[in-house]
Amino acid sequence: MDADAVGAITQLSVAQAQELVSLRLPSLRLDSLASLSPEVARILSTHEGDLALKGLTQLDDDVAAVVAQHPGALSLDGLTQISPAAAEQLAAHESFLYLDGVTSLSDAAAAALSRHSGPLLSLASLTEVSPEAARSLSQHRGRVEIGSLSVLPSAAWAREAVRRHGGQLDHVTSLTREAAWELASHEGPLSLNGLESAAEDVIVELSRHSGPLSLKSLCVLSPRAARKLLEHKGGLVIGDLRSLHDRSWATATLRKHGGRLDHVTELSPKAASVLAAHPAALTLDGLVSPGEQVLAALVPHLHALSLRGLTRLSAAEAALLSRHGGCALSLDGLRTLDPEIARILAHYRGNLSFNGLTTLDPDVASRLSSHGLGLSFEGLASLSLETSDALVPHGGMLFLDGLVSLPVDVARSLARYEGVMLSLGRLHDLPDDVAAALAEYRGVLSLTGVKTLSEASARLMAARSAQVVLTGLTSLSPVAEAVLRGNAMVELGSPHRA
């Protein structure tokens, strides 16, 4: 009987087992045998070569006691777990023991297997063990082979991981302080890119490593851990830190990302002061509740600042932001705006963006109308006549690029708008009466979303003395196009003629 025939056996009687043993094969690989009686097991265990029982997916205690007496290598790779009682029986086995299908191991089973008498215990599929189980297995008299542990629970297993993988330990997702202490002594590059978080004492230990250290997935550090990592010598790669506690890490983060720091969710006043000196726009949309001290530190920043993560503002915070030295402030995370907060923010000397607002109260609009530069409300899909009238005195630029339709009375109100530019970028249709009303507006009129214009509306727009932007036109009659192109103040794209 050849090896393939042996491997195909699904059932085995006592007589058949005796026949197999009498063949004196170098190894018996009964990979299809799904069950085994104690009597058959007793006969198979007398085989003098290797014995592989991969087809067994469970192991009764009495069968375990019998197969443990097998004098050669024993493979039970079909088992995915093993009971403490079965492990206790198998511990008596005196040769190579392969349990390469086991994926989880209780502390009690690990303690039993640690007493295994053979030179090798193989648990190749085991990738996670508790610290207690790890301590037990480390006491095995021979050698223990375990899979690529994602958790290093002890110094002993850290040594084993380095022995097997060198410093390339990207599969590790967690480690104890003792394991970190062991890894820190590794000479040469150490890569732990699987660590997304780690206890402070773990980071403190790793900071002692003297070679290149890679922690590309690590994004969260305590203030103390961050300071200790700065002391690391030999080159350091780290993930996009969500918490910036000191000036050095703030400087390093700016060097890496420029001003786009949306991943930052926590900021100290010291770090904020470093960011405030950045000579370009800053995006800090991950900040939800930065606090007054952080906002105060950001005030000297002289460029555009985006804080879209803020969903509410106190009067004190609004007062601080109103003193921001930059040209633009985005507060698109606000869903509501109190009139008093609006009054305070109106003192800001740059452009203000409130694109998260879906409604705009006339009282709030009235408070904001004293603001002197751009106001953006791209979240508004409609505008009441009262709110429109309240915005009329505003003297800057007004962006209402969320409006999808415009009643003629609101259009007449907006025509009286006193600011230098009015943008209605999402209006696709422009009825003649609405076009006639908007044509009376005296500033720059941006209608980039309009797809088509009648000839009458085209004449009205061409007659304006201020610029009108109609770059979104896709259908236009030859007459309408000629009328519009006749005025240099009309900006057109390349429309398809109707």
Protein backbone atom coordinates (compact mmCIF):
# COMPACT_ATOMS: atom_id res chain seq x y z
CA MET A 1 0.00 0.00 0.00
CA ASP A 2 1.47 3.33 -1.02
CA ALA A 3 1.34 6.68 0.80
CA ASP A 4 -1.59 8.00 -1.29
CA ALA A 5 -3.68 4.95 -0.46
CA VAL A 6 -2.89 5.32 3.24
CA GLY A 7 -3.82 9.01 3.13
CA ALA A 8 -7.20 8.18 1.60
CA ILE A 9 -8.32 5.84 4.42
CA THR A 10 -11.43 7.20 6.17
CA GLN A 11 -12.17 4.32 8.52
CA LEU A 12 -9.87 1.84 10.22
CA SER A 13 -10.57 -1.40 12.03
CA VAL A 14 -8.25 -3.14 14.48
CA ALA A 15 -7.26 -5.68 11.82
CA GLN A 16 -6.57 -2.97 9.24
CA ALA A 17 -4.50 -1.02 11.76
CA GLN A 18 -2.43 -4.10 12.49
CA GLU A 19 -1.87 -4.61 8.76
CA LEU A 20 -0.72 -1.00 8.32
CA VAL A 21 1.76 -1.27 11.20
CA SER A 22 3.13 -4.50 9.77
CA LEU A 23 4.07 -2.67 6.56
CA ARG A 24 6.79 -0.81 8.53
CA LEU A 25 6.40 2.36 6.46
CA PRO A 26 8.71 5.31 7.37
CA SER A 27 5.60 7.29 8.23
CA LEU A 28 1.89 6.71 8.52
CA ARG A 29 -0.03 9.74 7.26
CA LEU A 30 -3.70 9.04 7.87
CA ASP A 31 -4.91 12.49 6.81
CA SER A 32 -8.45 11.36 5.92
CA LEU A 33 -9.12 9.42 9.11
CA ALA A 34 -11.76 11.47 10.93
CA SER A 35 -12.23 9.31 14.05
CA LEU A 36 -10.14 6.95 16.10
CA SER A 37 -11.05 4.40 18.76
CA PRO A 38 -8.71 3.75 21.72
CA GLU A 39 -8.13 0.19 20.44
CA VAL A 40 -7.05 1.31 16.97
CA ALA A 41 -5.01 4.13 18.49
CA ARG A 42 -3.15 1.61 20.69
CA ILE A 43 -2.11 -0.39 17.65
CA LEU A 44 -1.09 2.67 15.60
CA SER A 45 1.00 3.97 18.48
CA THR A 46 3.24 0.92 18.14
CA HIS A 47 4.32 2.09 14.69
CA GLU A 48 8.05 2.84 14.84
CA GLY A 49 8.04 5.72 12.30
CA ASP A 50 6.25 9.06 12.22
CA LEU A 51 2.50 9.09 12.82
CA ALA A 52 0.32 11.81 11.28
CA LEU A 53 -3.39 12.00 12.17
CA LYS A 54 -4.32 15.27 10.47
CA GLY A 55 -7.91 14.18 9.84
CA LEU A 56 -8.76 14.23 13.56
CA THR A 57 -10.55 17.46 14.46
CA GLN A 58 -11.19 16.47 18.06
CA LEU A 59 -9.25 14.31 20.49
CA ASP A 60 -10.81 12.37 23.33
CA ASP A 61 -8.78 12.18 26.52
CA ASP A 62 -8.46 8.39 26.40
CA VAL A 63 -7.25 8.47 22.78
CA ALA A 64 -4.78 11.24 23.68
CA ALA A 65 -3.35 9.05 26.45
CA VAL A 66 -2.80 6.20 24.00
CA VAL A 67 -1.25 8.12 21.07
CA ALA A 68 1.06 9.90 23.53
CA GLN A 69 2.84 6.58 23.91
CA HIS A 70 3.86 6.64 20.24
CA PRO A 71 7.71 6.63 20.19
CA GLY A 72 8.12 8.70 17.01
CA ALA A 73 7.04 12.12 15.78
CA LEU A 74 3.31 12.67 16.31
CA SER A 75 1.29 15.09 14.17
CA LEU A 76 -2.24 16.13 15.16
CA ASP A 77 -2.54 19.14 12.86
CA GLY A 78 -6.31 18.79 12.42
CA LEU A 79 -6.97 20.00 15.97
CA THR A 80 -7.81 23.70 16.22
CA GLN A 81 -8.06 23.65 19.98
CA ILE A 82 -7.07 21.25 22.72
CA SER A 83 -8.54 20.66 26.16
CA PRO A 84 -6.37 20.87 29.28
CA ALA A 85 -7.04 17.16 29.95
CA ALA A 86 -5.94 16.11 26.45
CA ALA A 87 -2.91 18.40 26.73
CA GLU A 88 -2.01 16.74 30.03
CA GLN A 89 -2.07 13.34 28.34
CA LEU A 90 -0.02 14.48 25.35
CA ALA A 91 2.62 15.96 27.66
CA ALA A 92 3.85 12.41 28.23
CA HIS A 93 4.86 12.11 24.57
CA GLU A 94 8.65 11.85 24.28
CA SER A 95 9.27 12.84 20.66
CA PHE A 96 8.38 15.65 18.27
CA LEU A 97 4.78 16.81 18.81
CA TYR A 98 3.05 18.81 16.07
CA LEU A 99 -0.16 20.67 16.90
CA ASP A 100 0.07 23.06 13.96
CA GLY A 101 -3.69 23.53 13.56
CA VAL A 102 -4.27 24.90 17.07
CA THR A 103 -5.26 28.58 16.88
CA SER A 104 -6.13 29.24 20.53
CA LEU A 105 -4.70 27.84 23.72
CA SER A 106 -6.02 28.22 27.26
CA ASP A 107 -3.66 28.95 30.14
CA ALA A 108 -4.38 25.50 31.61
CA ALA A 109 -3.64 23.71 28.32
CA ALA A 110 -0.44 25.73 27.89
CA ALA A 111 0.67 24.81 31.41
CA ALA A 112 0.09 21.12 30.62
CA LEU A 113 1.92 21.25 27.28
CA SER A 114 4.88 23.03 28.92
CA ARG A 115 5.57 19.68 30.59
CA HIS A 116 5.86 17.91 27.21
CA SER A 117 8.81 15.53 27.35
CA GLY A 118 9.91 15.71 23.73
CA PRO A 119 12.54 17.94 22.10
CA LEU A 120 10.03 19.92 20.01
CA LEU A 121 6.50 21.26 20.47
CA SER A 122 5.13 22.88 17.32
CA LEU A 123 2.14 25.28 17.40
CA ALA A 124 2.65 26.94 14.02
CA SER A 125 -0.89 28.42 13.73
CA LEU A 126 -0.90 29.96 17.19
CA THR A 127 -0.46 33.73 16.78
CA GLU A 128 -1.72 34.98 20.13
CA VAL A 129 -1.17 33.74 23.68
CA SER A 130 -1.78 35.27 27.08
CA PRO A 131 1.18 36.34 29.22
CA GLU A 132 0.45 33.44 31.59
CA ALA A 133 0.38 30.91 28.73
CA ALA A 134 3.57 32.41 27.31
CA ARG A 135 5.35 32.04 30.66
CA SER A 136 4.28 28.40 30.83
CA LEU A 137 5.40 27.53 27.30
CA SER A 138 8.74 29.25 27.85
CA GLN A 139 9.49 26.61 30.51
CA HIS A 140 9.29 23.74 27.98
CA ARG A 141 12.41 21.56 28.26
CA GLY A 142 12.99 21.57 24.51
CA ARG A 143 12.05 23.98 21.78
CA VAL A 144 8.63 25.51 21.14
CA GLU A 145 7.68 26.70 17.66
CA ILE A 146 4.82 29.17 17.52
CA GLY A 147 3.39 31.13 14.60
CA SER A 148 4.16 34.79 14.02
CA LEU A 149 2.80 36.08 17.31
CA SER A 150 0.78 39.26 16.93
CA VAL A 151 1.13 39.78 20.68
CA LEU A 152 4.51 39.50 22.39
CA PRO A 153 3.66 38.86 26.04
CA SER A 154 7.13 38.39 27.48
CA ALA A 155 10.84 38.94 26.98
CA ALA A 156 11.28 35.28 26.11
CA TRP A 157 8.85 35.45 23.23
CA ALA A 158 10.35 38.73 22.07
CA ARG A 159 13.71 36.95 21.85
CA GLU A 160 12.10 34.12 19.91
CA ALA A 161 10.43 36.61 17.53
CA VAL A 162 13.77 38.31 16.86
CA ARG A 163 15.44 34.93 16.35
CA ARG A 164 12.87 33.99 13.72
CA HIS A 165 12.24 37.35 12.03
CA GLY A 166 15.18 39.55 12.90
CA GLY A 167 14.02 43.12 13.37
CA GLN A 168 11.15 42.79 10.85
CA LEU A 169 8.25 42.48 13.27
CA ASP A 170 5.46 44.27 11.41
CA HIS A 171 3.05 41.44 12.28
CA VAL A 172 3.21 42.41 15.98
CA THR A 173 0.18 44.44 17.09
CA SER A 174 0.80 44.50 20.84
CA LEU A 175 3.64 43.92 23.28
CA THR A 176 4.29 44.17 26.98
CA ARG A 177 6.89 46.33 28.67
CA GLU A 178 9.08 43.24 29.22
CA ALA A 179 8.94 42.38 25.52
CA ALA A 180 9.70 45.99 24.57
CA TRP A 181 12.70 45.96 26.90
CA GLU A 182 14.02 42.88 25.11
CA LEU A 183 13.41 44.32 21.63
CA ALA A 184 15.16 47.55 22.55
CA SER A 185 18.40 45.60 22.92
CA HIS A 186 18.20 44.31 19.33
CA GLU A 187 21.13 45.57 17.32
CA GLY A 188 20.11 46.88 13.93
CA PRO A 189 16.87 48.18 12.42
CA LEU A 190 13.65 47.41 14.31
CA SER A 191 10.35 47.56 12.42
CA LEU A 192 7.09 47.48 14.39
CA ASN A 193 4.76 48.97 11.84
CA GLY A 194 1.81 46.90 13.08
CA LEU A 195 1.63 48.80 16.37
CA GLU A 196 -1.26 51.28 16.23
CA SER A 197 -1.15 52.06 19.93
CA ALA A 198 1.07 51.11 22.85
CA ALA A 199 1.21 51.73 26.57
CA GLU A 200 3.42 54.56 27.74
CA ASP A 201 5.92 52.23 29.42
CA VAL A 202 6.26 50.23 26.18
CA ILE A 203 7.18 53.37 24.23
CA VAL A 204 9.61 54.42 26.95
CA GLU A 205 11.41 51.08 26.63
CA LEU A 206 11.47 51.17 22.81
CA SER A 207 12.96 54.67 22.90
CA ARG A 208 16.18 53.07 24.27
CA HIS A 209 16.72 51.23 20.97
CA SER A 210 19.84 52.59 19.30
CA GLY A 211 19.18 51.68 15.66
CA PRO A 212 16.58 52.74 13.10
CA LEU A 213 13.10 52.37 14.60
CA SER A 214 9.96 52.24 12.43
CA LEU A 215 6.51 52.76 13.98
CA LYS A 216 4.54 53.79 10.91
CA SER A 217 1.10 52.90 12.31
CA LEU A 218 1.58 54.50 15.73
CA CYS A 219 -0.66 57.57 15.85
CA VAL A 220 -1.34 58.06 19.57
CA LEU A 221 1.30 59.04 22.13
CA SER A 222 1.06 60.35 25.66
CA PRO A 223 3.05 63.53 26.40
CA ARG A 224 5.73 61.55 28.29
CA ALA A 225 5.99 58.89 25.58
CA ALA A 226 6.32 61.59 22.94
CA ARG A 227 9.15 63.25 24.87
CA LYS A 228 10.97 59.94 25.32
CA LEU A 229 10.77 59.11 21.62
CA LEU A 230 12.43 62.42 20.85
CA GLU A 231 15.45 61.07 22.73
CA HIS A 232 15.69 58.04 20.41
CA LYS A 233 18.93 57.89 18.45
CA GLY A 234 19.40 56.11 15.17
CA GLY A 235 16.54 57.28 13.00
CA LEU A 236 12.81 57.23 13.69
CA VAL A 237 9.74 56.78 11.48
CA ILE A 238 6.35 57.25 13.09
CA GLY A 239 2.71 57.46 11.98
CA ASP A 240 0.58 60.57 11.66
CA LEU A 241 0.29 61.62 15.30
CA ARG A 242 -3.24 62.58 16.29
CA SER A 243 -2.02 64.31 19.45
CA LEU A 244 0.63 67.02 19.31
CA HIS A 245 1.89 67.91 22.78
CA ASP A 246 5.16 69.73 22.23
CA ARG A 247 6.96 72.00 19.84
CA SER A 248 9.31 69.38 18.41
CA TRP A 249 6.56 67.03 17.24
CA ALA A 250 4.54 69.96 15.90
CA THR A 251 7.55 71.08 13.88
CA ALA A 252 8.15 67.54 12.59
CA THR A 253 4.48 67.16 11.64
CA LEU A 254 4.50 70.43 9.71
CA ARG A 255 7.65 69.31 7.92
CA LYS A 256 5.94 66.06 6.92
CA HIS A 257 2.44 67.31 6.02
CA GLY A 258 2.67 71.03 5.51
CA GLY A 259 -0.45 72.73 6.78
CA ARG A 260 -2.89 69.86 6.04
CA LEU A 261 -3.26 68.41 9.53
CA ASP A 262 -6.78 66.97 9.50
CA HIS A 263 -5.54 63.87 11.36
CA VAL A 264 -4.69 65.93 14.46
CA THR A 265 -7.43 65.57 17.09
CA GLU A 266 -5.61 66.98 20.12
CA LEU A 267 -3.32 69.97 20.38
CA SER A 268 -1.48 71.59 23.25
CA PRO A 269 -1.07 75.37 23.40
CA LYS A 270 2.71 74.95 22.87
CA ALA A 271 2.19 72.88 19.74
CA ALA A 272 -0.50 75.27 18.53
CA SER A 273 1.93 78.19 18.80
CA VAL A 274 4.31 76.35 16.47
CA LEU A 275 1.52 75.72 13.97
CA ALA A 276 0.50 79.38 14.16
CA ALA A 277 3.89 80.35 12.73
CA HIS A 278 3.30 78.22 9.61
CA PRO A 279 3.64 80.59 6.61
CA ALA A 280 0.66 79.17 4.70
CA ALA A 281 -2.87 77.87 5.17
CA LEU A 282 -3.63 75.57 8.11
CA THR A 283 -6.29 72.84 8.04
CA LEU A 284 -7.13 71.47 11.49
CA ASP A 285 -10.51 69.91 10.78
CA GLY A 286 -9.92 67.05 13.23
CA LEU A 287 -10.10 69.36 16.26
CA VAL A 288 -13.51 69.13 17.94
CA SER A 289 -12.99 70.89 21.28
CA PRO A 290 -9.56 72.55 21.23
CA GLY A 291 -10.32 74.90 24.15
CA GLU A 292 -9.62 78.58 24.63
CA GLN A 293 -5.87 78.24 25.26
CA VAL A 294 -5.29 76.44 21.97
CA LEU A 295 -7.45 78.90 20.03
CA ALA A 296 -5.56 81.77 21.64
CA ALA A 297 -2.29 80.23 20.50
CA LEU A 298 -3.62 80.00 16.93
CA VAL A 299 -4.70 83.67 16.81
CA PRO A 300 -1.33 84.99 15.46
CA HIS A 301 -1.56 82.73 12.40
CA LEU A 302 -1.53 84.97 9.29
CA HIS A 303 -3.11 82.73 6.65
CA ALA A 304 -6.31 80.79 6.03
CA LEU A 305 -7.42 78.60 8.95
CA SER A 306 -9.90 75.74 8.67
CA LEU A 307 -11.59 74.44 11.83
CA ARG A 308 -14.43 72.41 10.31
CA GLY A 309 -14.48 70.01 13.27
CA LEU A 310 -15.92 72.62 15.63
CA THR A 311 -19.66 72.04 16.09
CA ARG A 312 -20.25 74.72 18.69
CA LEU A 313 -18.60 77.89 19.93
CA SER A 314 -18.75 79.78 23.22
CA ALA A 315 -18.71 83.57 23.24
CA ALA A 316 -15.14 83.51 24.57
CA GLU A 317 -13.98 81.15 21.81
CA ALA A 318 -15.73 83.23 19.16
CA ALA A 319 -13.99 86.34 20.49
CA LEU A 320 -10.61 84.64 20.16
CA LEU A 321 -11.31 83.47 16.61
CA SER A 322 -12.49 86.93 15.63
CA ARG A 323 -8.93 88.12 16.32
CA HIS A 324 -7.31 85.47 14.07
CA GLY A 325 -4.78 87.24 11.89
CA GLY A 326 -5.36 85.25 8.71
CA CYS A 327 -7.31 86.00 5.55
CA ALA A 328 -9.97 83.30 5.94
CA LEU A 329 -11.65 81.27 8.67
CA SER A 330 -13.68 78.15 7.90
CA LEU A 331 -16.24 77.11 10.51
CA ASP A 332 -18.16 74.71 8.29
CA GLY A 333 -18.80 72.28 11.15
CA LEU A 334 -21.27 74.64 12.85
CA ARG A 335 -24.86 73.49 12.30
CA THR A 336 -26.43 76.35 14.23
CA LEU A 337 -25.30 79.89 14.92
CA ASP A 338 -26.43 81.99 17.85
CA PRO A 339 -27.04 85.71 17.07
CA GLU A 340 -24.57 86.76 19.77
CA ILE A 341 -21.86 84.47 18.38
CA ALA A 342 -22.60 85.85 14.91
CA ARG A 343 -22.22 89.41 16.22
CA ILE A 344 -18.80 88.59 17.68
CA LEU A 345 -17.55 86.76 14.58
CA ALA A 346 -18.66 89.64 12.37
CA HIS A 347 -15.62 91.55 13.68
CA TYR A 348 -13.29 89.08 11.98
CA ARG A 349 -11.19 90.83 9.32
CA GLY A 350 -11.01 87.95 6.86
CA ASN A 351 -13.43 85.77 4.89
CA LEU A 352 -15.86 83.68 6.94
CA SER A 353 -17.26 80.31 5.86
CA PHE A 354 -20.37 78.77 7.44
CA ASN A 355 -21.05 76.06 4.86
CA GLY A 356 -22.46 73.67 7.46
CA LEU A 357 -25.51 75.84 8.12
CA THR A 358 -28.66 74.53 6.43
CA THR A 359 -30.86 77.37 7.70
CA LEU A 360 -30.06 81.01 8.34
CA ASP A 361 -32.13 83.02 10.76
CA PRO A 362 -32.77 86.65 9.71
CA ASP A 363 -31.45 87.87 13.08
CA VAL A 364 -28.16 85.96 12.57
CA ALA A 365 -27.92 87.27 9.00
CA SER A 366 -28.44 90.80 10.27
CA ARG A 367 -25.60 90.44 12.79
CA LEU A 368 -23.27 89.08 10.12
CA SER A 369 -24.14 91.80 7.63
CA SER A 370 -21.73 94.17 9.40
CA HIS A 371 -18.85 91.88 8.41
CA GLY A 372 -16.69 93.51 5.78
CA LEU A 373 -15.34 90.65 3.65
CA GLY A 374 -16.58 87.33 2.24
CA LEU A 375 -19.43 85.33 3.73
CA SER A 376 -20.05 81.78 2.51
CA PHE A 377 -23.26 79.80 3.09
CA GLU A 378 -22.97 76.91 0.63
CA GLY A 379 -25.12 74.65 2.82
CA LEU A 380 -28.27 76.72 2.26
CA ALA A 381 -30.58 75.13 -0.30
CA SER A 382 -33.16 77.90 0.06
CA LEU A 383 -33.28 81.46 1.33
CA SER A 384 -36.21 83.33 2.84
CA LEU A 385 -37.06 86.88 1.82
CA GLU A 386 -36.48 88.07 5.40
CA THR A 387 -32.98 86.57 5.53
CA SER A 388 -32.15 87.93 2.09
CA ASP A 389 -33.22 91.43 3.16
CA ALA A 390 -31.05 91.12 6.29
CA LEU A 391 -28.00 90.33 4.15
CA VAL A 392 -28.46 93.29 1.80
CA PRO A 393 -26.28 95.75 3.83
CA HIS A 394 -23.30 93.35 3.83
CA GLY A 395 -20.46 95.05 1.98
CA GLY A 396 -18.16 92.18 1.03
CA MET A 397 -18.69 89.03 -1.05
CA LEU A 398 -21.67 86.71 -0.58
CA PHE A 399 -21.46 83.04 -1.57
CA LEU A 400 -24.85 81.32 -1.77
CA ASP A 401 -23.65 78.45 -3.92
CA GLY A 402 -26.01 75.94 -2.35
CA LEU A 403 -29.22 77.56 -3.61
CA VAL A 404 -30.85 75.38 -6.25
CA SER A 405 -33.76 77.71 -6.94
CA LEU A 406 -34.51 81.36 -6.38
CA PRO A 407 -37.99 82.90 -5.99
CA VAL A 408 -38.33 86.15 -7.89
CA ASP A 409 -38.98 88.19 -4.70
CA VAL A 410 -35.71 86.87 -3.19
CA ALA A 411 -33.92 87.62 -6.45
CA ARG A 412 -35.20 91.22 -6.30
CA SER A 413 -33.96 91.44 -2.70
CA LEU A 414 -30.50 90.11 -3.64
CA ALA A 415 -30.33 92.60 -6.50
CA ARG A 416 -30.12 95.29 -3.81
CA TYR A 417 -27.15 93.54 -2.17
CA GLU A 418 -24.47 96.16 -1.38
CA GLY A 419 -21.46 93.86 -1.53
CA VAL A 420 -18.93 93.62 -4.37
CA MET A 421 -19.77 90.06 -5.47
CA LEU A 422 -22.74 87.70 -5.40
CA SER A 423 -22.20 84.02 -6.20
CA LEU A 424 -25.11 81.67 -7.00
CA GLY A 425 -23.14 78.76 -8.41
CA ARG A 426 -25.79 76.01 -8.18
CA LEU A 427 -28.62 77.74 -10.00
CA HIS A 428 -29.05 75.65 -13.17
CA ASP A 429 -32.20 77.29 -14.48
CA LEU A 430 -32.65 81.03 -14.73
CA PRO A 431 -36.21 82.05 -15.64
CA ASP A 432 -36.55 85.38 -17.38
CA ASP A 433 -38.16 87.12 -14.38
CA VAL A 434 -35.37 85.94 -12.05
CA ALA A 435 -32.74 86.91 -14.63
CA ALA A 436 -34.34 90.35 -14.94
CA ALA A 437 -34.18 90.84 -11.17
CA LEU A 438 -30.57 89.69 -10.81
CA ALA A 439 -29.46 91.80 -13.76
CA GLU A 440 -30.11 94.86 -11.58
CA TYR A 441 -27.37 93.86 -9.16
CA ARG A 442 -24.42 96.29 -9.42
CA GLY A 443 -21.53 94.03 -8.40
CA VAL A 444 -19.86 90.97 -9.91
CA LEU A 445 -22.50 88.30 -10.50
CA SER A 446 -21.32 84.67 -10.61
CA LEU A 447 -23.79 82.24 -12.19
CA THR A 448 -21.41 79.40 -13.03
CA GLY A 449 -24.10 76.72 -12.66
CA VAL A 450 -26.55 78.14 -15.22
CA LYS A 451 -26.84 75.77 -18.20
CA THR A 452 -28.89 77.86 -20.62
CA LEU A 453 -30.29 81.36 -21.11
CA SER A 454 -33.10 82.66 -23.24
CA GLU A 455 -32.31 85.43 -25.70
CA ALA A 456 -34.24 87.90 -23.51
CA SER A 457 -32.22 86.95 -20.43
CA ALA A 458 -29.00 87.09 -22.44
CA ARG A 459 -29.77 90.70 -23.43
CA LEU A 460 -30.43 91.62 -19.82
CA MET A 461 -27.12 90.13 -18.69
CA ALA A 462 -25.22 91.72 -21.57
CA ALA A 463 -26.61 95.12 -20.62
CA ARG A 464 -25.06 95.02 -17.17
CA SER A 465 -22.14 97.30 -16.48
CA ALA A 466 -20.50 94.90 -14.00
CA GLN A 467 -18.99 91.51 -14.72
CA VAL A 468 -21.20 88.44 -15.01
CA VAL A 469 -19.70 84.92 -15.01
CA LEU A 470 -21.58 82.35 -17.11
CA THR A 471 -18.91 79.73 -17.67
CA GLY A 472 -21.28 76.78 -17.11
CA LEU A 473 -23.51 77.38 -20.15
CA THR A 474 -23.96 74.22 -22.22
CA SER A 475 -26.78 75.26 -24.55
CA LEU A 476 -27.17 78.67 -26.12
CA SER A 477 -28.75 79.97 -29.30
CA PRO A 478 -26.48 81.74 -31.80
CA VAL A 479 -28.33 85.02 -31.14
CA ALA A 480 -27.97 84.73 -27.37
CA GLU A 481 -24.29 83.83 -27.70
CA ALA A 482 -23.63 86.77 -30.00
CA VAL A 483 -25.36 89.15 -27.56
CA LEU A 484 -23.33 87.91 -24.64
CA ARG A 485 -20.02 87.91 -26.49
CA GLY A 486 -20.66 91.49 -27.48
CA ASN A 487 -20.00 92.63 -23.91
CA ALA A 488 -16.47 92.26 -22.58
CA MET A 489 -17.86 92.13 -19.02
CA VAL A 490 -19.52 88.78 -19.75
CA GLU A 491 -17.31 85.74 -19.09
CA LEU A 492 -18.35 82.67 -21.06
CA GLY A 493 -17.09 79.14 -21.42
CA SER A 494 -17.58 77.20 -24.70
CA PRO A 495 -21.34 76.53 -24.95
CA HIS A 496 -22.90 74.03 -27.35
CA ARG A 497 -25.19 75.90 -29.66
CA ALA A 498 -28.86 74.99 -29.53
